[in-house]
Amino acid sequence: DGLLAIVAGSDTTSNTLTAVIYYLFLNPAAHEHLQEEVDSAFPSGEEPLDAATLSQMEWLNGCINETLCLLPAVPSGSR
């Protein structure tokens, strides 16, 4: 069951991240704004692996949430 959960989760995650990148490439200003937020949250080339810091990033979370509204990973009619 654990393997199924990992595989099922990775498919929806990859679909969502692909859509986020697609929309960011369509809007260079949004991409630049997000890049500035990430660079300021993780200075000097740190790896962005701190979940607490990632959860505080408003622009990143907004991009992900808006993408999920526009193109849900699993179309079910609900958010």
Protein backbone atom coordinates (compact mmCIF):
# COMPACT_ATOMS: atom_id res chain seq x y z
CA ASP A 1 0.00 0.00 0.00
CA GLY A 2 2.89 2.35 0.73
CA LEU A 3 4.32 1.95 -2.77
CA LEU A 4 0.91 2.69 -4.28
CA ALA A 5 0.62 5.88 -2.21
CA ILE A 6 4.08 7.03 -3.34
CA VAL A 7 3.42 6.33 -7.01
CA ALA A 8 -0.05 7.91 -6.92
CA GLY A 9 1.27 10.98 -5.11
CA SER A 10 4.20 11.43 -7.45
CA ASP A 11 1.94 11.49 -10.50
CA THR A 12 -0.25 14.29 -9.17
CA THR A 13 2.79 16.19 -7.88
CA SER A 14 4.54 16.02 -11.25
CA ASN A 15 1.38 17.18 -13.04
CA THR A 16 1.01 20.14 -10.69
CA LEU A 17 4.68 21.17 -10.89
CA THR A 18 4.59 20.95 -14.67
CA ALA A 19 1.56 23.24 -14.73
CA VAL A 20 3.21 25.70 -12.29
CA ILE A 21 6.28 25.93 -14.51
CA TYR A 22 4.12 26.32 -17.62
CA TYR A 23 2.20 29.25 -16.13
CA LEU A 24 5.38 30.86 -14.81
CA PHE A 25 6.94 30.72 -18.27
CA LEU A 26 3.83 32.39 -19.69
CA ASN A 27 4.23 35.22 -17.18
CA PRO A 28 7.91 36.31 -16.85
CA ALA A 29 7.06 38.96 -14.22
CA ALA A 30 5.55 36.31 -11.94
CA HIS A 31 8.55 34.07 -12.55
CA GLU A 32 10.91 36.88 -11.58
CA HIS A 33 8.90 37.68 -8.46
CA LEU A 34 8.93 34.04 -7.38
CA GLN A 35 12.68 33.79 -8.08
CA GLU A 36 13.29 36.82 -5.85
CA GLU A 37 11.23 35.26 -3.04
CA VAL A 38 13.11 31.97 -3.25
CA ASP A 39 16.50 33.72 -3.41
CA SER A 40 15.67 35.84 -0.36
CA ALA A 41 14.39 32.84 1.63
CA PHE A 42 17.42 30.69 0.82
CA PRO A 43 20.44 33.00 0.50
CA SER A 44 23.92 31.97 -0.60
CA GLY A 45 22.83 28.94 -2.58
CA GLU A 46 21.30 26.96 0.30
CA GLU A 47 19.23 23.95 -0.69
CA PRO A 48 15.50 24.75 -0.33
CA LEU A 49 14.72 21.75 1.85
CA ASP A 50 13.37 23.45 4.99
CA ALA A 51 9.63 22.75 5.04
CA ALA A 52 8.99 25.45 7.64
CA THR A 53 10.56 28.11 5.41
CA LEU A 54 8.76 26.84 2.32
CA SER A 55 5.41 26.99 4.09
CA GLN A 56 6.03 30.69 4.95
CA MET A 57 6.62 31.68 1.31
CA GLU A 58 3.39 33.44 0.30
CA TRP A 59 4.14 33.88 -3.40
CA LEU A 60 5.21 30.24 -3.86
CA ASN A 61 2.13 28.94 -2.08
CA GLY A 62 -0.07 31.33 -4.06
CA CYS A 63 1.39 30.10 -7.36
CA ILE A 64 0.76 26.48 -6.39
CA ASN A 65 -2.78 27.17 -5.14
CA GLU A 66 -3.75 29.14 -8.25
CA THR A 67 -2.36 26.41 -10.49
CA LEU A 68 -4.39 23.81 -8.62
CA CYS A 69 -7.51 25.95 -9.18
CA LEU A 70 -6.83 26.32 -12.90
CA LEU A 71 -5.62 22.78 -13.60
CA PRO A 72 -6.43 20.38 -10.76
CA ALA A 73 -4.13 17.38 -10.55
CA VAL A 74 -7.17 15.13 -10.21
CA PRO A 75 -10.22 16.73 -11.84
CA SER A 76 -13.08 16.09 -9.45
CA GLY A 77 -14.99 19.35 -9.51
CA SER A 78 -13.76 20.39 -6.07
CA ARG A 79 -10.68 22.24 -4.91
